Amino acid sequence: MTQYLLAVHSSADDYDRSFEEMQPVFETVDRFNQKLVADGIWVFGGGLERIEAATTVDGTNGQTLVIDGPYLETKEYLGGFWVIEAPDLETAHRIALEASEACGGKVEVRPFQAE
């Protein structure tokens, strides 16, 4: 089976919602996660801290440069992700649709490179 990254697109507004507003989303995502585990397709997943917590490390040109903040300045960024195993892209899309419904956001699907 192929492994796929299901990347959740987020914005700063997503992190500005109160815990009470987010609790139903957390519960829905937890149920979705449990389903992935029960179906045997869960590899790994997690939510990420705010974009302000990001650090970019550049080791090119024989120098080490550590910069506070993301590599790219964008309105949307990676807010969380799942890594799943699925037999084909169509199945990964179906699972991503469920993921999008669970987290209330857009989910990008990308296959991992073959070994």
Protein backbone atom coordinates (compact mmCIF):
# COMPACT_ATOMS: atom_id res chain seq x y z
CA MET A 1 0.00 0.00 0.00
CA THR A 2 1.07 3.57 -0.61
CA GLN A 3 1.44 6.09 2.19
CA TYR A 4 -0.26 9.46 1.75
CA LEU A 5 0.09 12.75 3.58
CA LEU A 6 -3.26 14.38 4.33
CA ALA A 7 -2.30 17.99 5.09
CA VAL A 8 -4.80 20.30 6.80
CA HIS A 9 -4.70 23.89 5.58
CA SER A 10 -5.18 26.44 8.37
CA SER A 11 -5.06 30.16 8.97
CA ALA A 12 -4.42 32.35 12.01
CA ASP A 13 -8.20 32.62 12.47
CA ASP A 14 -8.39 28.88 13.16
CA TYR A 15 -6.16 29.34 16.21
CA ASP A 16 -8.10 32.36 17.47
CA ARG A 17 -11.22 30.31 18.19
CA SER A 18 -11.93 29.56 21.84
CA PHE A 19 -11.50 26.12 23.37
CA GLU A 20 -15.29 25.90 23.69
CA GLU A 21 -15.68 26.60 19.97
CA MET A 22 -13.02 24.04 19.08
CA GLN A 23 -14.12 21.24 21.43
CA PRO A 24 -16.67 19.77 18.98
CA VAL A 25 -13.97 19.73 16.26
CA PHE A 26 -11.50 18.00 18.61
CA GLU A 27 -14.11 15.36 19.40
CA THR A 28 -14.99 14.79 15.74
CA VAL A 29 -11.32 14.52 14.76
CA ASP A 30 -10.70 12.09 17.63
CA ARG A 31 -13.52 9.85 16.37
CA PHE A 32 -12.07 10.06 12.85
CA ASN A 33 -8.61 9.14 14.20
CA GLN A 34 -10.06 6.15 16.04
CA LYS A 35 -11.74 5.01 12.80
CA LEU A 36 -8.41 5.23 10.92
CA VAL A 37 -6.77 3.08 13.61
CA ALA A 38 -9.64 0.56 13.60
CA ASP A 39 -9.48 0.35 9.77
CA GLY A 40 -5.72 -0.33 9.94
CA ILE A 41 -4.70 2.66 7.79
CA TRP A 42 -3.39 5.01 10.50
CA VAL A 43 0.35 5.64 10.38
CA PHE A 44 0.73 8.94 12.23
CA GLY A 45 -1.03 12.25 12.71
CA GLY A 46 -1.01 15.41 14.73
CA GLY A 47 -1.90 19.05 15.02
CA LEU A 48 0.72 21.77 14.88
CA GLU A 49 1.27 24.85 17.02
CA ARG A 50 0.63 28.35 15.65
CA ILE A 51 2.78 29.47 12.73
CA GLU A 52 4.63 31.86 15.07
CA ALA A 53 6.19 28.79 16.71
CA ALA A 54 7.84 27.77 13.43
CA THR A 55 11.59 28.02 12.85
CA THR A 56 13.32 27.72 9.49
CA VAL A 57 16.77 26.12 9.34
CA ASP A 58 18.94 26.69 6.28
CA GLY A 59 22.11 24.63 5.98
CA THR A 60 22.90 25.49 2.38
CA ASN A 61 26.06 27.23 1.21
CA GLY A 62 28.14 25.74 4.04
CA GLN A 63 26.48 27.95 6.65
CA THR A 64 23.87 27.35 9.31
CA LEU A 65 21.10 29.91 9.50
CA VAL A 66 18.17 29.62 11.93
CA ILE A 67 15.32 32.05 11.33
CA ASP A 68 12.24 32.57 13.47
CA GLY A 69 9.08 31.98 11.48
CA PRO A 70 7.94 29.93 8.52
CA TYR A 71 9.86 29.41 5.29
CA LEU A 72 7.11 31.10 3.26
CA GLU A 73 4.86 34.03 4.14
CA THR A 74 1.35 32.88 3.25
CA LYS A 75 -2.23 33.33 4.40
CA GLU A 76 -2.65 29.59 4.85
CA TYR A 77 -0.20 27.10 6.27
CA LEU A 78 0.03 23.55 7.53
CA GLY A 79 -2.07 23.26 10.67
CA GLY A 80 -1.99 19.51 11.11
CA PHE A 81 -1.71 16.27 9.19
CA TRP A 82 -2.29 12.57 8.96
CA VAL A 83 -0.10 9.94 7.34
CA ILE A 84 -2.23 7.04 6.14
CA GLU A 85 -1.80 3.88 4.08
CA ALA A 86 -4.26 3.37 1.26
CA PRO A 87 -4.38 1.03 -1.73
CA ASP A 88 -4.82 3.84 -4.26
CA LEU A 89 -5.34 7.58 -4.75
CA GLU A 90 -9.11 7.24 -5.06
CA THR A 91 -9.27 5.67 -1.60
CA ALA A 92 -6.95 8.37 -0.22
CA HIS A 93 -9.31 11.01 -1.65
CA ARG A 94 -12.29 9.36 0.04
CA ILE A 95 -10.44 9.34 3.37
CA ALA A 96 -9.36 12.96 2.86
CA LEU A 97 -13.01 13.92 2.35
CA GLU A 98 -13.82 12.36 5.73
CA ALA A 99 -10.82 14.18 7.23
CA SER A 100 -12.00 17.50 5.79
CA GLU A 101 -15.47 16.97 7.22
CA ALA A 102 -13.99 16.03 10.62
CA CYS A 103 -11.63 18.98 10.96
CA GLY A 104 -13.72 21.54 9.09
CA GLY A 105 -10.93 22.55 6.73
CA LYS A 106 -9.34 21.85 3.37
CA VAL A 107 -7.16 18.74 3.17
CA GLU A 108 -4.40 18.31 0.59
CA VAL A 109 -3.53 14.74 -0.46
CA ARG A 110 0.06 13.89 -1.46
CA PRO A 111 1.52 10.44 -1.99
CA PHE A 112 4.94 9.69 -0.58
CA GLN A 113 7.64 8.82 -3.07
CA ALA A 114 8.17 5.12 -3.66
CA GLU A 115 11.20 3.71 -1.86
